Amino acid sequence: MKYQKLVKEVEGVGKLKLSEQENFYRDVLNESSNDLEVMVAATFYLGMAYYYEANYT
């Protein structure tokens, strides 16, 4: 996945349940192991999802 596509999908993904968000971001991380920009952004957005859910585990 390219960075621009990830940014476009983040808003829609944010409306999903946390478990579905985790699955999405983990899939992105698995697919984008060679693209550092995408990996950093996906990790950041996953962290934000945990923060908004107040799930710090």
PDB file of N, CA and C in Angstrom:
ATOM      1  N   MET A   1       0.856  -1.170   0.000  1.00  0.00           N
ATOM      2  CA  MET A   1       0.000   0.000   0.000  1.00  0.00           C
ATOM      3  C   MET A   1       0.899   1.229   0.000  1.00  0.00           C
ATOM      4  N   LYS A   2       0.506   2.206  -0.739  1.00  0.00           N
ATOM      5  CA  LYS A   2       1.237   3.469  -0.788  1.00  0.00           C
ATOM      6  C   LYS A   2       0.736   4.393   0.321  1.00  0.00           C
ATOM      7  N   TYR A   3       1.579   5.332   0.700  1.00  0.00           N
ATOM      8  CA  TYR A   3       1.270   6.252   1.787  1.00  0.00           C
ATOM      9  C   TYR A   3      -0.025   7.031   1.525  1.00  0.00           C
ATOM     10  N   GLN A   4      -0.185   7.556   0.325  1.00  0.00           N
ATOM     11  CA  GLN A   4      -1.370   8.357   0.006  1.00  0.00           C
ATOM     12  C   GLN A   4      -2.652   7.541   0.147  1.00  0.00           C
ATOM     13  N   LYS A   5      -2.608   6.289  -0.258  1.00  0.00           N
ATOM     14  CA  LYS A   5      -3.779   5.419  -0.131  1.00  0.00           C
ATOM     15  C   LYS A   5      -4.086   5.156   1.343  1.00  0.00           C
ATOM     16  N   LEU A   6      -3.050   4.947   2.147  1.00  0.00           N
ATOM     17  CA  LEU A   6      -3.242   4.736   3.579  1.00  0.00           C
ATOM     18  C   LEU A   6      -3.912   5.939   4.219  1.00  0.00           C
ATOM     19  N   VAL A   7      -3.434   7.127   3.899  1.00  0.00           N
ATOM     20  CA  VAL A   7      -4.001   8.350   4.476  1.00  0.00           C
ATOM     21  C   VAL A   7      -5.477   8.488   4.103  1.00  0.00           C
ATOM     22  N   LYS A   8      -5.839   8.129   2.882  1.00  0.00           N
ATOM     23  CA  LYS A   8      -7.233   8.218   2.450  1.00  0.00           C
ATOM     24  C   LYS A   8      -8.117   7.212   3.190  1.00  0.00           C
ATOM     25  N   GLU A   9      -7.579   6.050   3.510  1.00  0.00           N
ATOM     26  CA  GLU A   9      -8.369   5.005   4.157  1.00  0.00           C
ATOM     27  C   GLU A   9      -8.472   5.162   5.673  1.00  0.00           C
ATOM     28  N   VAL A  10      -7.591   5.944   6.261  1.00  0.00           N
ATOM     29  CA  VAL A  10      -7.539   6.077   7.722  1.00  0.00           C
ATOM     30  C   VAL A  10      -8.854   6.595   8.292  1.00  0.00           C
ATOM     31  N   GLU A  11      -9.473   7.548   7.651  1.00  0.00           N
ATOM     32  CA  GLU A  11     -10.719   8.118   8.182  1.00  0.00           C
ATOM     33  C   GLU A  11     -11.812   7.063   8.268  1.00  0.00           C
ATOM     34  N   GLY A  12     -11.952   6.260   7.259  1.00  0.00           N
ATOM     35  CA  GLY A  12     -12.960   5.206   7.271  1.00  0.00           C
ATOM     36  C   GLY A  12     -12.632   4.112   8.263  1.00  0.00           C
ATOM     37  N   VAL A  13     -11.361   3.789   8.373  1.00  0.00           N
ATOM     38  CA  VAL A  13     -10.931   2.738   9.292  1.00  0.00           C
ATOM     39  C   VAL A  13     -11.173   3.181  10.730  1.00  0.00           C
ATOM     40  N   GLY A  14     -11.053   4.460  11.004  1.00  0.00           N
ATOM     41  CA  GLY A  14     -11.252   4.982  12.349  1.00  0.00           C
ATOM     42  C   GLY A  14     -12.650   4.771  12.880  1.00  0.00           C
ATOM     43  N   LYS A  15     -13.584   4.486  12.018  1.00  0.00           N
ATOM     44  CA  LYS A  15     -14.974   4.255  12.425  1.00  0.00           C
ATOM     45  C   LYS A  15     -15.241   2.793  12.774  1.00  0.00           C
ATOM     46  N   LEU A  16     -14.270   1.932  12.522  1.00  0.00           N
ATOM     47  CA  LEU A  16     -14.430   0.504  12.802  1.00  0.00           C
ATOM     48  C   LEU A  16     -14.125   0.205  14.267  1.00  0.00           C
ATOM     49  N   LYS A  17     -14.510  -1.002  14.693  1.00  0.00           N
ATOM     50  CA  LYS A  17     -14.158  -1.450  16.041  1.00  0.00           C
ATOM     51  C   LYS A  17     -12.649  -1.588  16.135  1.00  0.00           C
ATOM     52  N   LEU A  18     -12.139  -1.513  17.360  1.00  0.00           N
ATOM     53  CA  LEU A  18     -10.695  -1.563  17.568  1.00  0.00           C
ATOM     54  C   LEU A  18     -10.087  -2.837  16.994  1.00  0.00           C
ATOM     55  N   SER A  19     -10.733  -3.963  17.172  1.00  0.00           N
ATOM     56  CA  SER A  19     -10.173  -5.218  16.657  1.00  0.00           C
ATOM     57  C   SER A  19     -10.066  -5.196  15.136  1.00  0.00           C
ATOM     58  N   GLU A  20     -11.024  -4.563  14.470  1.00  0.00           N
ATOM     59  CA  GLU A  20     -10.974  -4.462  13.012  1.00  0.00           C
ATOM     60  C   GLU A  20      -9.887  -3.484  12.577  1.00  0.00           C
ATOM     61  N   GLN A  21      -9.698  -2.415  13.359  1.00  0.00           N
ATOM     62  CA  GLN A  21      -8.616  -1.475  13.060  1.00  0.00           C
ATOM     63  C   GLN A  21      -7.262  -2.158  13.208  1.00  0.00           C
ATOM     64  N   GLU A  22      -7.117  -2.948  14.278  1.00  0.00           N
ATOM     65  CA  GLU A  22      -5.865  -3.682  14.483  1.00  0.00           C
ATOM     66  C   GLU A  22      -5.573  -4.576  13.290  1.00  0.00           C
ATOM     67  N   ASN A  23      -6.571  -5.306  12.836  1.00  0.00           N
ATOM     68  CA  ASN A  23      -6.387  -6.205  11.693  1.00  0.00           C
ATOM     69  C   ASN A  23      -5.961  -5.428  10.448  1.00  0.00           C
ATOM     70  N   PHE A  24      -6.611  -4.300  10.205  1.00  0.00           N
ATOM     71  CA  PHE A  24      -6.281  -3.484   9.035  1.00  0.00           C
ATOM     72  C   PHE A  24      -4.834  -3.011   9.096  1.00  0.00           C
ATOM     73  N   TYR A  25      -4.447  -2.418  10.219  1.00  0.00           N
ATOM     74  CA  TYR A  25      -3.094  -1.866  10.325  1.00  0.00           C
ATOM     75  C   TYR A  25      -2.034  -2.961  10.325  1.00  0.00           C
ATOM     76  N   ARG A  26      -2.323  -4.092  10.899  1.00  0.00           N
ATOM     77  CA  ARG A  26      -1.365  -5.200  10.859  1.00  0.00           C
ATOM     78  C   ARG A  26      -1.203  -5.728   9.435  1.00  0.00           C
ATOM     79  N   ASP A  27      -2.296  -5.782   8.697  1.00  0.00           N
ATOM     80  CA  ASP A  27      -2.204  -6.191   7.288  1.00  0.00           C
ATOM     81  C   ASP A  27      -1.355  -5.194   6.502  1.00  0.00           C
ATOM     82  N   VAL A  28      -1.574  -3.905   6.756  1.00  0.00           N
ATOM     83  CA  VAL A  28      -0.784  -2.873   6.070  1.00  0.00           C
ATOM     84  C   VAL A  28       0.692  -3.038   6.416  1.00  0.00           C
ATOM     85  N   LEU A  29       0.983  -3.268   7.693  1.00  0.00           N
ATOM     86  CA  LEU A  29       2.379  -3.443   8.101  1.00  0.00           C
ATOM     87  C   LEU A  29       3.002  -4.671   7.447  1.00  0.00           C
ATOM     88  N   ASN A  30       2.249  -5.738   7.329  1.00  0.00           N
ATOM     89  CA  ASN A  30       2.773  -6.954   6.691  1.00  0.00           C
ATOM     90  C   ASN A  30       3.021  -6.747   5.200  1.00  0.00           C
ATOM     91  N   GLU A  31       2.134  -5.989   4.549  1.00  0.00           N
ATOM     92  CA  GLU A  31       2.266  -5.745   3.106  1.00  0.00           C
ATOM     93  C   GLU A  31       3.377  -4.752   2.789  1.00  0.00           C
ATOM     94  N   SER A  32       3.621  -3.813   3.690  1.00  0.00           N
ATOM     95  CA  SER A  32       4.490  -2.676   3.390  1.00  0.00           C
ATOM     96  C   SER A  32       5.820  -2.745   4.112  1.00  0.00           C
ATOM     97  N   SER A  33       6.366  -3.924   4.241  1.00  0.00           N
ATOM     98  CA  SER A  33       7.591  -4.080   5.011  1.00  0.00           C
ATOM     99  C   SER A  33       8.783  -3.353   4.389  1.00  0.00           C
ATOM    100  N   ASN A  34       8.705  -2.972   3.131  1.00  0.00           N
ATOM    101  CA  ASN A  34       9.816  -2.269   2.478  1.00  0.00           C
ATOM    102  C   ASN A  34       9.608  -0.765   2.400  1.00  0.00           C
ATOM    103  N   ASP A  35       8.460  -0.274   2.812  1.00  0.00           N
ATOM    104  CA  ASP A  35       8.156   1.149   2.709  1.00  0.00           C
ATOM    105  C   ASP A  35       8.110   1.755   4.114  1.00  0.00           C
ATOM    106  N   LEU A  36       9.204   2.377   4.510  1.00  0.00           N
ATOM    107  CA  LEU A  36       9.335   2.905   5.866  1.00  0.00           C
ATOM    108  C   LEU A  36       8.258   3.942   6.186  1.00  0.00           C
ATOM    109  N   GLU A  37       7.937   4.803   5.240  1.00  0.00           N
ATOM    110  CA  GLU A  37       6.932   5.849   5.459  1.00  0.00           C
ATOM    111  C   GLU A  37       5.577   5.239   5.802  1.00  0.00           C
ATOM    112  N   VAL A  38       5.182   4.209   5.098  1.00  0.00           N
ATOM    113  CA  VAL A  38       3.905   3.540   5.347  1.00  0.00           C
ATOM    114  C   VAL A  38       3.944   2.817   6.691  1.00  0.00           C
ATOM    115  N   MET A  39       5.059   2.177   6.990  1.00  0.00           N
ATOM    116  CA  MET A  39       5.182   1.446   8.256  1.00  0.00           C
ATOM    117  C   MET A  39       5.069   2.394   9.451  1.00  0.00           C
ATOM    118  N   VAL A  40       5.739   3.529   9.374  1.00  0.00           N
ATOM    119  CA  VAL A  40       5.685   4.504  10.472  1.00  0.00           C
ATOM    120  C   VAL A  40       4.272   5.061  10.619  1.00  0.00           C
ATOM    121  N   ALA A  41       3.634   5.398   9.507  1.00  0.00           N
ATOM    122  CA  ALA A  41       2.282   5.951   9.562  1.00  0.00           C
ATOM    123  C   ALA A  41       1.288   4.932  10.102  1.00  0.00           C
ATOM    124  N   ALA A  42       1.375   3.684   9.661  1.00  0.00           N
ATOM    125  CA  ALA A  42       0.451   2.650  10.136  1.00  0.00           C
ATOM    126  C   ALA A  42       0.642   2.403  11.629  1.00  0.00           C
ATOM    127  N   THR A  43       1.883   2.388  12.077  1.00  0.00           N
ATOM    128  CA  THR A  43       2.157   2.205  13.502  1.00  0.00           C
ATOM    129  C   THR A  43       1.606   3.377  14.305  1.00  0.00           C
ATOM    130  N   PHE A  44       1.776   4.580  13.802  1.00  0.00           N
ATOM    131  CA  PHE A  44       1.252   5.774  14.465  1.00  0.00           C
ATOM    132  C   PHE A  44      -0.269   5.720  14.566  1.00  0.00           C
ATOM    133  N   TYR A  45      -0.937   5.408  13.468  1.00  0.00           N
ATOM    134  CA  TYR A  45      -2.397   5.370  13.478  1.00  0.00           C
ATOM    135  C   TYR A  45      -2.927   4.246  14.368  1.00  0.00           C
ATOM    136  N   LEU A  46      -2.240   3.129  14.422  1.00  0.00           N
ATOM    137  CA  LEU A  46      -2.638   2.055  15.328  1.00  0.00           C
ATOM    138  C   LEU A  46      -2.478   2.514  16.776  1.00  0.00           C
ATOM    139  N   GLY A  47      -1.397   3.188  17.074  1.00  0.00           N
ATOM    140  CA  GLY A  47      -1.206   3.742  18.414  1.00  0.00           C
ATOM    141  C   GLY A  47      -2.288   4.743  18.777  1.00  0.00           C
ATOM    142  N   MET A  48      -2.689   5.550  17.815  1.00  0.00           N
ATOM    143  CA  MET A  48      -3.768   6.513  18.066  1.00  0.00           C
ATOM    144  C   MET A  48      -5.080   5.783  18.336  1.00  0.00           C
ATOM    145  N   ALA A  49      -5.317   4.680  17.637  1.00  0.00           N
ATOM    146  CA  ALA A  49      -6.539   3.905  17.869  1.00  0.00           C
ATOM    147  C   ALA A  49      -6.553   3.376  19.294  1.00  0.00           C
ATOM    148  N   TYR A  50      -5.408   2.865  19.765  1.00  0.00           N
ATOM    149  CA  TYR A  50      -5.315   2.411  21.159  1.00  0.00           C
ATOM    150  C   TYR A  50      -5.542   3.568  22.122  1.00  0.00           C
ATOM    151  N   TYR A  51      -4.979   4.708  21.826  1.00  0.00           N
ATOM    152  CA  TYR A  51      -5.120   5.878  22.689  1.00  0.00           C
ATOM    153  C   TYR A  51      -6.586   6.286  22.803  1.00  0.00           C
ATOM    154  N   TYR A  52      -7.271   6.352  21.671  1.00  0.00           N
ATOM    155  CA  TYR A  52      -8.675   6.772  21.691  1.00  0.00           C
ATOM    156  C   TYR A  52      -9.565   5.759  22.386  1.00  0.00           C
ATOM    157  N   GLU A  53      -9.174   4.504  22.366  1.00  0.00           N
ATOM    158  CA  GLU A  53      -9.933   3.462  23.065  1.00  0.00           C
ATOM    159  C   GLU A  53      -9.490   3.319  24.519  1.00  0.00           C
ATOM    160  N   ALA A  54      -8.430   4.043  24.895  1.00  0.00           N
ATOM    161  CA  ALA A  54      -7.847   3.985  26.230  1.00  0.00           C
ATOM    162  C   ALA A  54      -7.408   2.555  26.547  1.00  0.00           C
ATOM    163  N   ASN A  55      -6.844   1.897  25.547  1.00  0.00           N
ATOM    164  CA  ASN A  55      -6.341   0.542  25.697  1.00  0.00           C
ATOM    165  C   ASN A  55      -4.829   0.597  25.549  1.00  0.00           C
ATOM    166  N   TYR A  56      -4.131   0.666  26.657  1.00  0.00           N
ATOM    167  CA  TYR A  56      -2.691   0.863  26.624  1.00  0.00           C
ATOM    168  C   TYR A  56      -1.909  -0.436  26.708  1.00  0.00           C
ATOM    169  N   THR A  57      -2.526  -1.554  26.390  1.00  0.00           N
ATOM    170  CA  THR A  57      -1.815  -2.822  26.446  1.00  0.00           C
ATOM    171  C   THR A  57      -1.218  -3.186  25.118  1.00  0.00           C
TER     172      THR A  57
END
